[in-house]
């Protein structure tokens, strides 16, 4: 039975700001499957290189964004 998860903090934030998964894939060059997990799995923690790519777009949206705002380490 698949586990049921809620939208992640980052997924909710990016949707609120109007960013689709497809746009994030194009801008960051992160694999589509990984972006889907980032948006939809509140328990998913991406690799360091993926976090670095995400932070580049998050800092453009708001320079005050911190990775800790979106992931529970």
PDB file of N, CA and C in Angstrom:
ATOM      1  N   UNK A   1       0.840  -1.178   0.000  1.00  0.00           N
ATOM      2  CA  UNK A   1       0.000   0.000   0.000  1.00  0.00           C
ATOM      3  C   UNK A   1       0.886   1.243   0.000  1.00  0.00           C
ATOM      4  N   UNK A   2       0.670   2.170  -0.953  1.00  0.00           N
ATOM      5  CA  UNK A   2       1.512   3.375  -1.003  1.00  0.00           C
ATOM      6  C   UNK A   2       1.252   4.272   0.195  1.00  0.00           C
ATOM      7  N   UNK A   3       2.312   4.952   0.607  1.00  0.00           N
ATOM      8  CA  UNK A   3       2.129   5.852   1.737  1.00  0.00           C
ATOM      9  C   UNK A   3       1.498   7.155   1.258  1.00  0.00           C
ATOM     10  N   UNK A   4       0.686   7.709   2.083  1.00  0.00           N
ATOM     11  CA  UNK A   4      -0.011   8.947   1.745  1.00  0.00           C
ATOM     12  C   UNK A   4       0.721  10.094   2.432  1.00  0.00           C
ATOM     13  N   UNK A   5       1.075  11.082   1.657  1.00  0.00           N
ATOM     14  CA  UNK A   5       1.764  12.238   2.214  1.00  0.00           C
ATOM     15  C   UNK A   5       1.034  13.508   1.794  1.00  0.00           C
ATOM     16  N   UNK A   6       1.304  14.565   2.502  1.00  0.00           N
ATOM     17  CA  UNK A   6       0.710  15.850   2.159  1.00  0.00           C
ATOM     18  C   UNK A   6       1.711  16.665   1.353  1.00  0.00           C
ATOM     19  N   UNK A   7       1.224  17.715   0.742  1.00  0.00           N
ATOM     20  CA  UNK A   7       2.114  18.606   0.004  1.00  0.00           C
ATOM     21  C   UNK A   7       3.204  19.106   0.939  1.00  0.00           C
ATOM     22  N   UNK A   8       4.388  19.243   0.400  1.00  0.00           N
ATOM     23  CA  UNK A   8       5.506  19.743   1.199  1.00  0.00           C
ATOM     24  C   UNK A   8       5.388  21.252   1.388  1.00  0.00           C
ATOM     25  N   UNK A   9       6.123  21.765   2.354  1.00  0.00           N
ATOM     26  CA  UNK A   9       6.158  23.221   2.576  1.00  0.00           C
ATOM     27  C   UNK A   9       6.654  23.922   1.321  1.00  0.00           C
ATOM     28  N   UNK A  10       7.691  23.347   0.714  1.00  0.00           N
ATOM     29  CA  UNK A  10       8.255  23.959  -0.495  1.00  0.00           C
ATOM     30  C   UNK A  10       7.260  23.895  -1.647  1.00  0.00           C
ATOM     31  N   UNK A  11       6.585  22.760  -1.797  1.00  0.00           N
ATOM     32  CA  UNK A  11       5.575  22.634  -2.851  1.00  0.00           C
ATOM     33  C   UNK A  11       4.467  23.656  -2.694  1.00  0.00           C
ATOM     34  N   UNK A  12       3.975  23.814  -1.468  1.00  0.00           N
ATOM     35  CA  UNK A  12       2.920  24.798  -1.200  1.00  0.00           C
ATOM     36  C   UNK A  12       3.404  26.207  -1.511  1.00  0.00           C
ATOM     37  N   UNK A  13       4.641  26.500  -1.098  1.00  0.00           N
ATOM     38  CA  UNK A  13       5.210  27.840  -1.320  1.00  0.00           C
ATOM     39  C   UNK A  13       5.338  28.138  -2.815  1.00  0.00           C
ATOM     40  N   UNK A  14       5.911  27.189  -3.569  1.00  0.00           N
ATOM     41  CA  UNK A  14       6.113  27.423  -4.997  1.00  0.00           C
ATOM     42  C   UNK A  14       4.791  27.528  -5.744  1.00  0.00           C
ATOM     43  N   UNK A  15       3.800  26.724  -5.360  1.00  0.00           N
ATOM     44  CA  UNK A  15       2.487  26.829  -5.999  1.00  0.00           C
ATOM     45  C   UNK A  15       1.855  28.181  -5.691  1.00  0.00           C
ATOM     46  N   UNK A  16       1.994  28.630  -4.458  1.00  0.00           N
ATOM     47  CA  UNK A  16       1.453  29.937  -4.064  1.00  0.00           C
ATOM     48  C   UNK A  16       2.092  31.055  -4.886  1.00  0.00           C
ATOM     49  N   UNK A  17       3.378  30.908  -5.184  1.00  0.00           N
ATOM     50  CA  UNK A  17       4.097  31.910  -5.971  1.00  0.00           C
ATOM     51  C   UNK A  17       3.875  31.737  -7.472  1.00  0.00           C
ATOM     52  N   UNK A  18       3.138  30.691  -7.867  1.00  0.00           N
ATOM     53  CA  UNK A  18       2.776  30.495  -9.265  1.00  0.00           C
ATOM     54  C   UNK A  18       3.752  29.661 -10.081  1.00  0.00           C
ATOM     55  N   UNK A  19       4.630  28.925  -9.417  1.00  0.00           N
ATOM     56  CA  UNK A  19       5.608  28.098 -10.133  1.00  0.00           C
ATOM     57  C   UNK A  19       5.086  26.677 -10.294  1.00  0.00           C
ATOM     58  N   UNK A  20       5.019  26.225 -11.542  1.00  0.00           N
ATOM     59  CA  UNK A  20       4.615  24.847 -11.808  1.00  0.00           C
ATOM     60  C   UNK A  20       5.830  23.931 -11.701  1.00  0.00           C
ATOM     61  N   UNK A  21       5.561  22.651 -11.587  1.00  0.00           N
ATOM     62  CA  UNK A  21       6.652  21.678 -11.544  1.00  0.00           C
ATOM     63  C   UNK A  21       7.469  21.737 -12.827  1.00  0.00           C
ATOM     64  N   UNK A  22       6.800  21.905 -13.949  1.00  0.00           N
ATOM     65  CA  UNK A  22       7.493  21.972 -15.244  1.00  0.00           C
ATOM     66  C   UNK A  22       8.452  23.158 -15.286  1.00  0.00           C
ATOM     67  N   UNK A  23       8.032  24.294 -14.767  1.00  0.00           N
ATOM     68  CA  UNK A  23       8.910  25.471 -14.736  1.00  0.00           C
ATOM     69  C   UNK A  23      10.143  25.223 -13.869  1.00  0.00           C
ATOM     70  N   UNK A  24       9.945  24.582 -12.726  1.00  0.00           N
ATOM     71  CA  UNK A  24      11.070  24.294 -11.833  1.00  0.00           C
ATOM     72  C   UNK A  24      12.047  23.340 -12.509  1.00  0.00           C
ATOM     73  N   UNK A  25      11.538  22.334 -13.218  1.00  0.00           N
ATOM     74  CA  UNK A  25      12.403  21.401 -13.956  1.00  0.00           C
ATOM     75  C   UNK A  25      13.244  22.166 -14.971  1.00  0.00           C
ATOM     76  N   UNK A  26      12.617  23.052 -15.731  1.00  0.00           N
ATOM     77  CA  UNK A  26      13.332  23.803 -16.773  1.00  0.00           C
ATOM     78  C   UNK A  26      14.381  24.748 -16.188  1.00  0.00           C
ATOM     79  N   UNK A  27      14.031  25.437 -15.126  1.00  0.00           N
ATOM     80  CA  UNK A  27      14.919  26.446 -14.548  1.00  0.00           C
ATOM     81  C   UNK A  27      16.093  25.818 -13.797  1.00  0.00           C
ATOM     82  N   UNK A  28      15.837  24.719 -13.088  1.00  0.00           N
ATOM     83  CA  UNK A  28      16.864  24.143 -12.227  1.00  0.00           C
ATOM     84  C   UNK A  28      17.586  22.952 -12.828  1.00  0.00           C
ATOM     85  N   UNK A  29      17.003  22.365 -13.876  1.00  0.00           N
ATOM     86  CA  UNK A  29      17.548  21.147 -14.492  1.00  0.00           C
ATOM     87  C   UNK A  29      17.547  19.965 -13.504  1.00  0.00           C
ATOM     88  N   UNK A  30      16.588  19.969 -12.581  1.00  0.00           N
ATOM     89  CA  UNK A  30      16.372  18.859 -11.658  1.00  0.00           C
ATOM     90  C   UNK A  30      15.412  17.887 -12.350  1.00  0.00           C
ATOM     91  N   UNK A  31      15.625  16.592 -12.162  1.00  0.00           N
ATOM     92  CA  UNK A  31      14.785  15.574 -12.791  1.00  0.00           C
ATOM     93  C   UNK A  31      13.316  15.756 -12.408  1.00  0.00           C
ATOM     94  N   UNK A  32      12.439  15.502 -13.361  1.00  0.00           N
ATOM     95  CA  UNK A  32      10.995  15.663 -13.164  1.00  0.00           C
ATOM     96  C   UNK A  32      10.503  14.867 -11.952  1.00  0.00           C
ATOM     97  N   UNK A  33      10.963  13.642 -11.818  1.00  0.00           N
ATOM     98  CA  UNK A  33      10.533  12.793 -10.705  1.00  0.00           C
ATOM     99  C   UNK A  33      10.940  13.406  -9.356  1.00  0.00           C
ATOM    100  N   UNK A  34      12.134  13.959  -9.304  1.00  0.00           N
ATOM    101  CA  UNK A  34      12.612  14.590  -8.074  1.00  0.00           C
ATOM    102  C   UNK A  34      11.773  15.821  -7.747  1.00  0.00           C
ATOM    103  N   UNK A  35      11.490  16.630  -8.743  1.00  0.00           N
ATOM    104  CA  UNK A  35      10.656  17.824  -8.520  1.00  0.00           C
ATOM    105  C   UNK A  35       9.274  17.417  -8.026  1.00  0.00           C
ATOM    106  N   UNK A  36       8.717  16.364  -8.585  1.00  0.00           N
ATOM    107  CA  UNK A  36       7.420  15.875  -8.139  1.00  0.00           C
ATOM    108  C   UNK A  36       7.477  15.469  -6.667  1.00  0.00           C
ATOM    109  N   UNK A  37       8.532  14.783  -6.270  1.00  0.00           N
ATOM    110  CA  UNK A  37       8.686  14.394  -4.860  1.00  0.00           C
ATOM    111  C   UNK A  37       8.846  15.624  -3.969  1.00  0.00           C
ATOM    112  N   UNK A  38       9.600  16.616  -4.444  1.00  0.00           N
ATOM    113  CA  UNK A  38       9.811  17.846  -3.672  1.00  0.00           C
ATOM    114  C   UNK A  38       8.468  18.550  -3.427  1.00  0.00           C
ATOM    115  N   UNK A  39       7.605  18.578  -4.431  1.00  0.00           N
ATOM    116  CA  UNK A  39       6.301  19.232  -4.318  1.00  0.00           C
ATOM    117  C   UNK A  39       5.325  18.434  -3.448  1.00  0.00           C
ATOM    118  N   UNK A  40       5.355  17.117  -3.583  1.00  0.00           N
ATOM    119  CA  UNK A  40       4.269  16.304  -3.049  1.00  0.00           C
ATOM    120  C   UNK A  40       4.580  15.479  -1.812  1.00  0.00           C
ATOM    121  N   UNK A  41       5.829  15.292  -1.482  1.00  0.00           N
ATOM    122  CA  UNK A  41       6.178  14.419  -0.360  1.00  0.00           C
ATOM    123  C   UNK A  41       6.779  15.248   0.768  1.00  0.00           C
ATOM    124  N   UNK A  42       6.003  15.458   1.806  1.00  0.00           N
ATOM    125  CA  UNK A  42       6.454  16.307   2.909  1.00  0.00           C
ATOM    126  C   UNK A  42       7.605  15.675   3.693  1.00  0.00           C
ATOM    127  N   UNK A  43       7.866  14.387   3.495  1.00  0.00           N
ATOM    128  CA  UNK A  43       8.957  13.707   4.194  1.00  0.00           C
ATOM    129  C   UNK A  43      10.245  13.630   3.379  1.00  0.00           C
ATOM    130  N   UNK A  44      10.206  14.037   2.125  1.00  0.00           N
ATOM    131  CA  UNK A  44      11.364  13.903   1.232  1.00  0.00           C
ATOM    132  C   UNK A  44      12.417  14.973   1.520  1.00  0.00           C
ATOM    133  N   UNK A  45      13.663  14.537   1.651  1.00  0.00           N
ATOM    134  CA  UNK A  45      14.804  15.449   1.790  1.00  0.00           C
ATOM    135  C   UNK A  45      15.707  15.225   0.582  1.00  0.00           C
ATOM    136  N   UNK A  46      15.837  16.210  -0.306  1.00  0.00           N
ATOM    137  CA  UNK A  46      16.671  16.040  -1.496  1.00  0.00           C
ATOM    138  C   UNK A  46      18.163  16.056  -1.167  1.00  0.00           C
ATOM    139  N   UNK A  47      18.963  15.679  -2.144  1.00  0.00           N
ATOM    140  CA  UNK A  47      20.425  15.680  -1.986  1.00  0.00           C
ATOM    141  C   UNK A  47      20.935  17.113  -1.871  1.00  0.00           C
ATOM    142  N   UNK A  48      22.170  17.237  -1.436  1.00  0.00           N
ATOM    143  CA  UNK A  48      22.791  18.553  -1.298  1.00  0.00           C
ATOM    144  C   UNK A  48      22.839  19.324  -2.601  1.00  0.00           C
ATOM    145  N   UNK A  49      23.162  18.639  -3.701  1.00  0.00           N
ATOM    146  CA  UNK A  49      23.242  19.336  -4.996  1.00  0.00           C
ATOM    147  C   UNK A  49      21.866  19.813  -5.454  1.00  0.00           C
ATOM    148  N   UNK A  50      20.839  19.039  -5.159  1.00  0.00           N
ATOM    149  CA  UNK A  50      19.476  19.449  -5.513  1.00  0.00           C
ATOM    150  C   UNK A  50      19.046  20.640  -4.662  1.00  0.00           C
ATOM    151  N   UNK A  51      19.385  20.611  -3.393  1.00  0.00           N
ATOM    152  CA  UNK A  51      19.059  21.734  -2.507  1.00  0.00           C
ATOM    153  C   UNK A  51      19.735  23.010  -3.002  1.00  0.00           C
ATOM    154  N   UNK A  52      20.975  22.891  -3.445  1.00  0.00           N
ATOM    155  CA  UNK A  52      21.703  24.050  -3.960  1.00  0.00           C
ATOM    156  C   UNK A  52      20.989  24.643  -5.177  1.00  0.00           C
ATOM    157  N   UNK A  53      20.515  23.782  -6.076  1.00  0.00           N
ATOM    158  CA  UNK A  53      19.784  24.250  -7.261  1.00  0.00           C
ATOM    159  C   UNK A  53      18.470  24.915  -6.850  1.00  0.00           C
ATOM    160  N   UNK A  54      17.785  24.317  -5.890  1.00  0.00           N
ATOM    161  CA  UNK A  54      16.525  24.897  -5.416  1.00  0.00           C
ATOM    162  C   UNK A  54      16.745  26.257  -4.776  1.00  0.00           C
ATOM    163  N   UNK A  55      17.807  26.369  -3.999  1.00  0.00           N
ATOM    164  CA  UNK A  55      18.076  27.633  -3.328  1.00  0.00           C
ATOM    165  C   UNK A  55      18.356  28.753  -4.320  1.00  0.00           C
ATOM    166  N   UNK A  56      18.925  28.423  -5.468  1.00  0.00           N
ATOM    167  CA  UNK A  56      19.184  29.479  -6.458  1.00  0.00           C
ATOM    168  C   UNK A  56      17.877  30.123  -6.908  1.00  0.00           C
ATOM    169  N   UNK A  57      16.839  29.343  -7.098  1.00  0.00           N
ATOM    170  CA  UNK A  57      15.554  29.928  -7.496  1.00  0.00           C
ATOM    171  C   UNK A  57      14.832  30.536  -6.299  1.00  0.00           C
ATOM    172  N   UNK A  58      14.935  29.912  -5.140  1.00  0.00           N
ATOM    173  CA  UNK A  58      14.268  30.455  -3.953  1.00  0.00           C
ATOM    174  C   UNK A  58      14.832  31.820  -3.561  1.00  0.00           C
ATOM    175  N   UNK A  59      16.126  32.006  -3.721  1.00  0.00           N
ATOM    176  CA  UNK A  59      16.753  33.300  -3.397  1.00  0.00           C
ATOM    177  C   UNK A  59      16.328  34.377  -4.390  1.00  0.00           C
ATOM    178  N   UNK A  60      16.025  33.978  -5.632  1.00  0.00           N
ATOM    179  CA  UNK A  60      15.538  34.948  -6.613  1.00  0.00           C
ATOM    180  C   UNK A  60      14.117  35.392  -6.272  1.00  0.00           C
ATOM    181  N   UNK A  61      13.327  34.472  -5.742  1.00  0.00           N
ATOM    182  CA  UNK A  61      11.955  34.804  -5.342  1.00  0.00           C
ATOM    183  C   UNK A  61      11.980  35.739  -4.144  1.00  0.00           C
ATOM    184  N   UNK A  62      12.787  35.376  -3.141  1.00  0.00           N
ATOM    185  CA  UNK A  62      12.911  36.185  -1.934  1.00  0.00           C
ATOM    186  C   UNK A  62      14.282  35.912  -1.316  1.00  0.00           C
ATOM    187  N   UNK A  63      15.164  36.908  -1.318  1.00  0.00           N
ATOM    188  CA  UNK A  63      16.517  36.710  -0.778  1.00  0.00           C
ATOM    189  C   UNK A  63      16.553  36.260   0.684  1.00  0.00           C
ATOM    190  N   UNK A  64      15.461  36.421   1.404  1.00  0.00           N
ATOM    191  CA  UNK A  64      15.419  36.017   2.810  1.00  0.00           C
ATOM    192  C   UNK A  64      15.106  34.532   3.000  1.00  0.00           C
ATOM    193  N   UNK A  65      14.741  33.842   1.919  1.00  0.00           N
ATOM    194  CA  UNK A  65      14.422  32.416   2.026  1.00  0.00           C
ATOM    195  C   UNK A  65      15.618  31.623   2.519  1.00  0.00           C
ATOM    196  N   UNK A  66      15.340  30.666   3.405  1.00  0.00           N
ATOM    197  CA  UNK A  66      16.365  29.760   3.929  1.00  0.00           C
ATOM    198  C   UNK A  66      15.876  28.337   3.725  1.00  0.00           C
ATOM    199  N   UNK A  67      16.785  27.424   3.504  1.00  0.00           N
ATOM    200  CA  UNK A  67      16.404  26.034   3.269  1.00  0.00           C
ATOM    201  C   UNK A  67      15.655  25.465   4.473  1.00  0.00           C
ATOM    202  N   UNK A  68      15.990  25.928   5.673  1.00  0.00           N
ATOM    203  CA  UNK A  68      15.323  25.453   6.883  1.00  0.00           C
ATOM    204  C   UNK A  68      13.838  25.812   6.907  1.00  0.00           C
ATOM    205  N   UNK A  69      13.451  26.810   6.107  1.00  0.00           N
ATOM    206  CA  UNK A  69      12.047  27.189   6.015  1.00  0.00           C
ATOM    207  C   UNK A  69      11.207  26.115   5.319  1.00  0.00           C
ATOM    208  N   UNK A  70      11.865  25.250   4.551  1.00  0.00           N
ATOM    209  CA  UNK A  70      11.159  24.301   3.710  1.00  0.00           C
ATOM    210  C   UNK A  70      11.396  22.827   4.031  1.00  0.00           C
ATOM    211  N   UNK A  71      12.499  22.515   4.689  1.00  0.00           N
ATOM    212  CA  UNK A  71      12.821  21.126   4.997  1.00  0.00           C
ATOM    213  C   UNK A  71      13.156  20.973   6.474  1.00  0.00           C
ATOM    214  N   UNK A  72      12.748  19.843   7.039  1.00  0.00           N
ATOM    215  CA  UNK A  72      13.051  19.528   8.436  1.00  0.00           C
ATOM    216  C   UNK A  72      14.280  18.646   8.475  1.00  0.00           C
ATOM    217  N   UNK A  73      15.395  19.204   8.894  1.00  0.00           N
ATOM    218  CA  UNK A  73      16.647  18.443   8.972  1.00  0.00           C
ATOM    219  C   UNK A  73      16.824  17.868  10.340  1.00  0.00           C
TER     220      UNK A  73
END
